[in-house]
Amino acid sequence: MLVEPTNIEFGGNGAFVKDNENLIIIDAPEEATKKLNDAKAFDNINNIYIIITHSHYDHVAGLGILIWYSNFYLKIKPNIIYSKNRFKRTLNKLLKITGVHDNLFTFIKDNEVNLSFKVDILPTTHSKGLDCFGIMFTDNTGKYYYTGDTNDINFVRKLNDEKEVKKIYCEVATETYDVHIKYDDIKDLDKEKFVLMHFDKIELYNKVKKDGFNVGK
């Protein structure tokens, strides 16, 4: 899994998972397509699935480019996985006003995705007025959670205590700003279970590594 923190030094925040000939992309910041290509994420795939955690610019600014690249360069029509119809309509409208027509992608419900693992898109709290989601992947080894942007520290702490949860890809910030998880509020949790991402400051990124946490690449 590749994770990009969100600040000017690192770029936007997102990730990808490869499952045989399937590529699952989480969020599409502005530079997503180039970085995915540099990481050879597009090699040897026949299907592309995109999951958007919420509609803030640093998570969707590159969505149109990603869809165009998939269609016109890779000759693959991507699937956008969703859980709520309202968010589906939001993404459809966003893409339409940026010139990405609905014949270039297909929406698919999270409970209808056919992969070697289960995908559940779970509502979370982040920014008032926005639909925001985290993602739970489940396979025969356990559960793997990707927070997206969230301020739900209680849910993250609950996952930390659950044995079946093997990894938590968790956003952190220097302060909560009322929309993020403050690093000081989770630094006592299981370092082996967490991969931290989305740092608001390079100083926090360096501190997290010094404290012994795994960080997004």
C-alpha atoms as a PDB file:
ATOM      1  CA  MET A   1       0.000   0.000   0.000  1.00  0.00           C
ATOM      2  CA  LEU A   2       1.249   3.462  -0.936  1.00  0.00           C
ATOM      3  CA  VAL A   3       0.183   6.424   1.161  1.00  0.00           C
ATOM      4  CA  GLU A   4       0.923  10.089   0.485  1.00  0.00           C
ATOM      5  CA  PRO A   5       0.673  12.605   3.348  1.00  0.00           C
ATOM      6  CA  THR A   6      -1.057  15.952   2.714  1.00  0.00           C
ATOM      7  CA  ASN A   7       1.205  18.963   2.872  1.00  0.00           C
ATOM      8  CA  ILE A   8       3.238  20.913   0.357  1.00  0.00           C
ATOM      9  CA  GLU A   9       6.362  18.798   0.896  1.00  0.00           C
ATOM     10  CA  PHE A  10       4.614  15.467   0.287  1.00  0.00           C
ATOM     11  CA  GLY A  11       1.561  16.115  -1.866  1.00  0.00           C
ATOM     12  CA  GLY A  12      -1.987  14.793  -1.532  1.00  0.00           C
ATOM     13  CA  ASN A  13      -3.235  11.865   0.494  1.00  0.00           C
ATOM     14  CA  GLY A  14      -4.220   8.543  -1.064  1.00  0.00           C
ATOM     15  CA  ALA A  15      -3.371   4.878  -1.374  1.00  0.00           C
ATOM     16  CA  PHE A  16      -3.608   1.876  -3.653  1.00  0.00           C
ATOM     17  CA  VAL A  17      -4.056  -1.880  -3.248  1.00  0.00           C
ATOM     18  CA  LYS A  18      -3.374  -4.464  -5.968  1.00  0.00           C
ATOM     19  CA  ASP A  19      -5.414  -7.654  -6.012  1.00  0.00           C
ATOM     20  CA  ASN A  20      -4.233  -9.832  -8.902  1.00  0.00           C
ATOM     21  CA  GLU A  21      -5.444  -7.994 -12.024  1.00  0.00           C
ATOM     22  CA  ASN A  22      -7.477  -5.507  -9.970  1.00  0.00           C
ATOM     23  CA  LEU A  23      -6.229  -2.089  -8.852  1.00  0.00           C
ATOM     24  CA  ILE A  24      -8.067  -0.376  -5.988  1.00  0.00           C
ATOM     25  CA  ILE A  25      -7.294   3.329  -5.634  1.00  0.00           C
ATOM     26  CA  ILE A  26      -8.259   5.267  -2.524  1.00  0.00           C
ATOM     27  CA  ASP A  27      -8.707   8.989  -3.202  1.00  0.00           C
ATOM     28  CA  ALA A  28      -7.274  10.965  -6.090  1.00  0.00           C
ATOM     29  CA  PRO A  29      -5.254  14.053  -5.159  1.00  0.00           C
ATOM     30  CA  GLU A  30      -4.007  16.273  -7.953  1.00  0.00           C
ATOM     31  CA  GLU A  31      -0.816  14.307  -8.608  1.00  0.00           C
ATOM     32  CA  ALA A  32      -2.343  10.832  -8.123  1.00  0.00           C
ATOM     33  CA  THR A  33      -2.137   9.576 -11.720  1.00  0.00           C
ATOM     34  CA  LYS A  34       1.553  10.411 -12.123  1.00  0.00           C
ATOM     35  CA  LYS A  35       2.501   8.957  -8.748  1.00  0.00           C
ATOM     36  CA  LEU A  36       0.508   5.791  -9.406  1.00  0.00           C
ATOM     37  CA  ASN A  37       2.253   5.459 -12.741  1.00  0.00           C
ATOM     38  CA  ASP A  38       5.681   6.054 -11.152  1.00  0.00           C
ATOM     39  CA  ALA A  39       4.887   3.320  -8.597  1.00  0.00           C
ATOM     40  CA  LYS A  40       3.933   0.948 -11.478  1.00  0.00           C
ATOM     41  CA  ALA A  41       0.473   0.554  -9.967  1.00  0.00           C
ATOM     42  CA  PHE A  42      -1.049   0.320 -13.451  1.00  0.00           C
ATOM     43  CA  ASP A  43       1.147  -2.597 -14.556  1.00  0.00           C
ATOM     44  CA  ASN A  44      -0.641  -5.872 -15.367  1.00  0.00           C
ATOM     45  CA  ILE A  45      -4.154  -4.794 -14.410  1.00  0.00           C
ATOM     46  CA  ASN A  46      -7.502  -5.227 -16.171  1.00  0.00           C
ATOM     47  CA  ASN A  47      -9.842  -3.571 -13.691  1.00  0.00           C
ATOM     48  CA  ILE A  48      -9.670  -0.291 -11.780  1.00  0.00           C
ATOM     49  CA  TYR A  49     -11.766   0.511  -8.705  1.00  0.00           C
ATOM     50  CA  ILE A  50     -11.754   3.982  -7.148  1.00  0.00           C
ATOM     51  CA  ILE A  51     -12.932   4.831  -3.632  1.00  0.00           C
ATOM     52  CA  ILE A  52     -13.288   8.465  -2.598  1.00  0.00           C
ATOM     53  CA  THR A  53     -13.387   9.123   1.150  1.00  0.00           C
ATOM     54  CA  HIS A  54     -14.791  12.658   0.837  1.00  0.00           C
ATOM     55  CA  SER A  55     -14.931  15.568  -1.574  1.00  0.00           C
ATOM     56  CA  HIS A  56     -12.244  17.905  -0.208  1.00  0.00           C
ATOM     57  CA  TYR A  57      -9.936  19.117  -2.988  1.00  0.00           C
ATOM     58  CA  ASP A  58      -6.858  17.277  -1.689  1.00  0.00           C
ATOM     59  CA  HIS A  59      -8.726  13.985  -2.129  1.00  0.00           C
ATOM     60  CA  VAL A  60     -10.573  14.573  -5.424  1.00  0.00           C
ATOM     61  CA  ALA A  61      -8.617  17.183  -7.415  1.00  0.00           C
ATOM     62  CA  GLY A  62      -7.064  14.482  -9.597  1.00  0.00           C
ATOM     63  CA  LEU A  63     -10.140  12.294 -10.023  1.00  0.00           C
ATOM     64  CA  GLY A  64     -11.022  13.537 -13.507  1.00  0.00           C
ATOM     65  CA  ILE A  65      -7.475  13.094 -14.783  1.00  0.00           C
ATOM     66  CA  LEU A  66      -7.357   9.588 -13.329  1.00  0.00           C
ATOM     67  CA  ILE A  67     -10.587   8.635 -15.105  1.00  0.00           C
ATOM     68  CA  TRP A  68      -9.414  10.109 -18.409  1.00  0.00           C
ATOM     69  CA  TYR A  69      -6.048   8.336 -18.135  1.00  0.00           C
ATOM     70  CA  SER A  70      -7.773   5.045 -17.366  1.00  0.00           C
ATOM     71  CA  ASN A  71     -10.011   5.316 -20.419  1.00  0.00           C
ATOM     72  CA  PHE A  72      -7.776   6.844 -23.068  1.00  0.00           C
ATOM     73  CA  TYR A  73      -4.350   5.456 -22.147  1.00  0.00           C
ATOM     74  CA  LEU A  74      -5.074   2.216 -20.329  1.00  0.00           C
ATOM     75  CA  LYS A  75      -8.321   1.452 -22.209  1.00  0.00           C
ATOM     76  CA  ILE A  76      -9.994   0.575 -18.903  1.00  0.00           C
ATOM     77  CA  LYS A  77     -13.304   2.055 -17.780  1.00  0.00           C
ATOM     78  CA  PRO A  78     -12.930   2.487 -14.007  1.00  0.00           C
ATOM     79  CA  ASN A  79     -15.496   1.629 -11.357  1.00  0.00           C
ATOM     80  CA  ILE A  80     -16.231   4.100  -8.560  1.00  0.00           C
ATOM     81  CA  ILE A  81     -17.193   2.252  -5.374  1.00  0.00           C
ATOM     82  CA  TYR A  82     -19.706   3.999  -3.125  1.00  0.00           C
ATOM     83  CA  SER A  83     -21.980   3.231  -0.176  1.00  0.00           C
ATOM     84  CA  LYS A  84     -24.398   6.180   0.023  1.00  0.00           C
ATOM     85  CA  ASN A  85     -26.562   7.319  -2.895  1.00  0.00           C
ATOM     86  CA  ARG A  86     -26.206  10.952  -1.823  1.00  0.00           C
ATOM     87  CA  PHE A  87     -22.422  10.775  -2.117  1.00  0.00           C
ATOM     88  CA  LYS A  88     -22.772   9.037  -5.469  1.00  0.00           C
ATOM     89  CA  ARG A  89     -24.777  12.032  -6.681  1.00  0.00           C
ATOM     90  CA  THR A  90     -22.143  14.409  -5.282  1.00  0.00           C
ATOM     91  CA  LEU A  91     -19.340  12.687  -7.193  1.00  0.00           C
ATOM     92  CA  ASN A  92     -21.421  12.484 -10.363  1.00  0.00           C
ATOM     93  CA  LYS A  93     -22.113  16.225 -10.222  1.00  0.00           C
ATOM     94  CA  LEU A  94     -18.474  17.027  -9.462  1.00  0.00           C
ATOM     95  CA  LEU A  95     -17.282  15.016 -12.443  1.00  0.00           C
ATOM     96  CA  LYS A  96     -19.936  16.397 -14.754  1.00  0.00           C
ATOM     97  CA  ILE A  97     -19.076  20.051 -14.106  1.00  0.00           C
ATOM     98  CA  THR A  98     -15.391  19.283 -14.780  1.00  0.00           C
ATOM     99  CA  GLY A  99     -16.182  17.676 -18.129  1.00  0.00           C
ATOM    100  CA  VAL A 100     -15.962  14.001 -17.156  1.00  0.00           C
ATOM    101  CA  HIS A 101     -19.047  12.375 -18.624  1.00  0.00           C
ATOM    102  CA  ASP A 102     -20.701   9.371 -17.009  1.00  0.00           C
ATOM    103  CA  ASN A 103     -19.916   7.116 -19.974  1.00  0.00           C
ATOM    104  CA  LEU A 104     -16.289   7.123 -18.773  1.00  0.00           C
ATOM    105  CA  PHE A 105     -16.921   5.406 -15.441  1.00  0.00           C
ATOM    106  CA  THR A 106     -19.344   3.076 -13.671  1.00  0.00           C
ATOM    107  CA  PHE A 107     -20.672   3.369 -10.134  1.00  0.00           C
ATOM    108  CA  ILE A 108     -20.741   0.156  -8.102  1.00  0.00           C
ATOM    109  CA  LYS A 109     -22.073  -0.403  -4.567  1.00  0.00           C
ATOM    110  CA  ASP A 110     -19.497  -1.541  -2.005  1.00  0.00           C
ATOM    111  CA  ASN A 111     -21.438  -4.729  -1.240  1.00  0.00           C
ATOM    112  CA  GLU A 112     -21.411  -5.701  -4.933  1.00  0.00           C
ATOM    113  CA  VAL A 113     -17.648  -5.562  -5.485  1.00  0.00           C
ATOM    114  CA  ASN A 114     -16.096  -8.897  -6.465  1.00  0.00           C
ATOM    115  CA  LEU A 115     -12.562  -9.028  -5.068  1.00  0.00           C
ATOM    116  CA  SER A 116     -10.554 -11.495  -3.004  1.00  0.00           C
ATOM    117  CA  PHE A 117     -11.362  -9.389   0.065  1.00  0.00           C
ATOM    118  CA  LYS A 118     -14.430  -7.574   1.364  1.00  0.00           C
ATOM    119  CA  VAL A 119     -14.745  -3.793   1.086  1.00  0.00           C
ATOM    120  CA  ASP A 120     -16.964  -1.840   3.484  1.00  0.00           C
ATOM    121  CA  ILE A 121     -17.235   1.941   3.184  1.00  0.00           C
ATOM    122  CA  LEU A 122     -18.143   3.245   6.635  1.00  0.00           C
ATOM    123  CA  PRO A 123     -19.443   6.742   7.506  1.00  0.00           C
ATOM    124  CA  THR A 124     -17.173   8.841   9.689  1.00  0.00           C
ATOM    125  CA  THR A 125     -17.082  12.370  11.066  1.00  0.00           C
ATOM    126  CA  HIS A 126     -14.706  14.941   9.620  1.00  0.00           C
ATOM    127  CA  SER A 127     -15.990  18.185   8.121  1.00  0.00           C
ATOM    128  CA  LYS A 128     -19.460  19.497   8.883  1.00  0.00           C
ATOM    129  CA  GLY A 129     -21.819  19.257   5.928  1.00  0.00           C
ATOM    130  CA  LEU A 130     -19.783  16.673   3.994  1.00  0.00           C
ATOM    131  CA  ASP A 131     -20.333  12.954   3.572  1.00  0.00           C
ATOM    132  CA  CYS A 132     -17.059  11.418   4.803  1.00  0.00           C
ATOM    133  CA  PHE A 133     -15.998   7.784   4.960  1.00  0.00           C
ATOM    134  CA  GLY A 134     -13.394   5.337   6.191  1.00  0.00           C
ATOM    135  CA  ILE A 135     -12.746   2.000   4.519  1.00  0.00           C
ATOM    136  CA  MET A 136     -12.574  -1.445   6.104  1.00  0.00           C
ATOM    137  CA  PHE A 137     -10.893  -4.200   4.119  1.00  0.00           C
ATOM    138  CA  THR A 138     -11.446  -7.745   5.380  1.00  0.00           C
ATOM    139  CA  ASP A 139      -9.753 -10.931   4.201  1.00  0.00           C
ATOM    140  CA  ASN A 140      -8.904 -14.298   5.739  1.00  0.00           C
ATOM    141  CA  THR A 141      -6.052 -12.746   7.751  1.00  0.00           C
ATOM    142  CA  GLY A 142      -8.123 -10.062   9.462  1.00  0.00           C
ATOM    143  CA  LYS A 143      -9.293  -6.479   9.067  1.00  0.00           C
ATOM    144  CA  TYR A 144      -7.445  -3.453   7.717  1.00  0.00           C
ATOM    145  CA  TYR A 145      -8.887   0.030   8.215  1.00  0.00           C
ATOM    146  CA  TYR A 146      -8.158   3.207   6.272  1.00  0.00           C
ATOM    147  CA  THR A 147      -9.482   6.247   8.123  1.00  0.00           C
ATOM    148  CA  GLY A 148      -9.723   8.799   5.353  1.00  0.00           C
ATOM    149  CA  ASP A 149      -9.947  12.177   7.061  1.00  0.00           C
ATOM    150  CA  THR A 150     -11.678  11.875  10.416  1.00  0.00           C
ATOM    151  CA  ASN A 151     -11.906  13.297  13.916  1.00  0.00           C
ATOM    152  CA  ASP A 152     -13.428  10.129  15.417  1.00  0.00           C
ATOM    153  CA  ILE A 153     -10.695   9.284  17.916  1.00  0.00           C
ATOM    154  CA  ASN A 154     -13.022   6.977  19.862  1.00  0.00           C
ATOM    155  CA  PHE A 155     -13.527   4.685  16.858  1.00  0.00           C
ATOM    156  CA  VAL A 156      -9.788   4.554  16.190  1.00  0.00           C
ATOM    157  CA  ARG A 157      -9.107   3.645  19.824  1.00  0.00           C
ATOM    158  CA  LYS A 158     -11.773   0.943  19.619  1.00  0.00           C
ATOM    159  CA  LEU A 159     -10.097  -0.562  16.549  1.00  0.00           C
ATOM    160  CA  ASN A 160      -6.741  -0.474  18.327  1.00  0.00           C
ATOM    161  CA  ASP A 161      -8.172  -2.834  20.963  1.00  0.00           C
ATOM    162  CA  GLU A 162      -9.709  -5.313  18.498  1.00  0.00           C
ATOM    163  CA  LYS A 163      -7.465  -8.307  17.810  1.00  0.00           C
ATOM    164  CA  GLU A 164      -8.954  -8.995  14.379  1.00  0.00           C
ATOM    165  CA  VAL A 165      -7.844  -5.528  13.219  1.00  0.00           C
ATOM    166  CA  LYS A 166      -4.321  -6.009  11.888  1.00  0.00           C
ATOM    167  CA  LYS A 167      -3.504  -2.540  10.532  1.00  0.00           C
ATOM    168  CA  ILE A 168      -4.939   0.950  10.862  1.00  0.00           C
ATOM    169  CA  TYR A 169      -3.908   3.502   8.249  1.00  0.00           C
ATOM    170  CA  CYS A 170      -4.646   6.627  10.272  1.00  0.00           C
ATOM    171  CA  GLU A 171      -4.488  10.329   9.530  1.00  0.00           C
ATOM    172  CA  VAL A 172      -2.881  12.569  12.139  1.00  0.00           C
ATOM    173  CA  ALA A 173      -2.294  16.275  12.583  1.00  0.00           C
ATOM    174  CA  THR A 174      -0.505  18.556  15.009  1.00  0.00           C
ATOM    175  CA  GLU A 175      -3.874  19.800  16.258  1.00  0.00           C
ATOM    176  CA  THR A 176      -7.394  18.506  15.695  1.00  0.00           C
ATOM    177  CA  TYR A 177      -8.555  21.723  14.002  1.00  0.00           C
ATOM    178  CA  ASP A 178     -11.966  20.202  14.902  1.00  0.00           C
ATOM    179  CA  VAL A 179     -11.683  17.895  11.860  1.00  0.00           C
ATOM    180  CA  HIS A 180      -8.572  15.735  12.326  1.00  0.00           C
ATOM    181  CA  ILE A 181      -7.048  13.340  14.833  1.00  0.00           C
ATOM    182  CA  LYS A 182      -4.423  14.935  17.022  1.00  0.00           C
ATOM    183  CA  TYR A 183      -1.217  12.908  17.150  1.00  0.00           C
ATOM    184  CA  ASP A 184      -0.875  13.387  20.910  1.00  0.00           C
ATOM    185  CA  ASP A 185      -4.215  11.593  21.347  1.00  0.00           C
ATOM    186  CA  ILE A 186      -3.004   8.343  19.740  1.00  0.00           C
ATOM    187  CA  LYS A 187       0.727   8.242  20.418  1.00  0.00           C
ATOM    188  CA  ASP A 188       0.146   5.803  23.282  1.00  0.00           C
ATOM    189  CA  LEU A 189      -1.499   3.229  20.989  1.00  0.00           C
ATOM    190  CA  ASP A 190      -0.011   0.096  19.379  1.00  0.00           C
ATOM    191  CA  LYS A 191       2.832   1.280  17.133  1.00  0.00           C
ATOM    192  CA  GLU A 192       2.942  -2.045  15.285  1.00  0.00           C
ATOM    193  CA  LYS A 193      -0.707  -1.747  14.294  1.00  0.00           C
ATOM    194  CA  PHE A 194      -0.612   1.815  12.943  1.00  0.00           C
ATOM    195  CA  VAL A 195       0.596   3.399   9.730  1.00  0.00           C
ATOM    196  CA  LEU A 196       0.266   7.175  10.058  1.00  0.00           C
ATOM    197  CA  MET A 197      -0.410   9.594   7.207  1.00  0.00           C
ATOM    198  CA  HIS A 198      -1.735  13.020   6.125  1.00  0.00           C
ATOM    199  CA  PHE A 199       0.652  15.075   8.313  1.00  0.00           C
ATOM    200  CA  ASP A 200      -0.089  18.798   8.325  1.00  0.00           C
ATOM    201  CA  LYS A 201       3.529  19.702   9.082  1.00  0.00           C
ATOM    202  CA  ILE A 202       6.864  18.166   8.147  1.00  0.00           C
ATOM    203  CA  GLU A 203       7.893  18.522  11.797  1.00  0.00           C
ATOM    204  CA  LEU A 204       5.097  16.146  12.803  1.00  0.00           C
ATOM    205  CA  TYR A 205       6.165  13.647  10.134  1.00  0.00           C
ATOM    206  CA  ASN A 206       9.687  13.643  11.555  1.00  0.00           C
ATOM    207  CA  LYS A 207       8.429  13.360  15.146  1.00  0.00           C
ATOM    208  CA  VAL A 208       6.172  10.420  14.333  1.00  0.00           C
ATOM    209  CA  LYS A 209       9.068   8.519  12.764  1.00  0.00           C
ATOM    210  CA  LYS A 210      11.334   9.350  15.708  1.00  0.00           C
ATOM    211  CA  ASP A 211       8.657   8.028  18.081  1.00  0.00           C
ATOM    212  CA  GLY A 212       8.720   4.684  16.271  1.00  0.00           C
ATOM    213  CA  PHE A 213       5.503   4.733  14.246  1.00  0.00           C
ATOM    214  CA  ASN A 214       5.314   3.466  10.677  1.00  0.00           C
ATOM    215  CA  VAL A 215       4.481   6.223   8.210  1.00  0.00           C
ATOM    216  CA  GLY A 216       2.969   6.380   4.751  1.00  0.00           C
ATOM    217  CA  LYS A 217       5.469   6.221   1.929  1.00  0.00           C
END
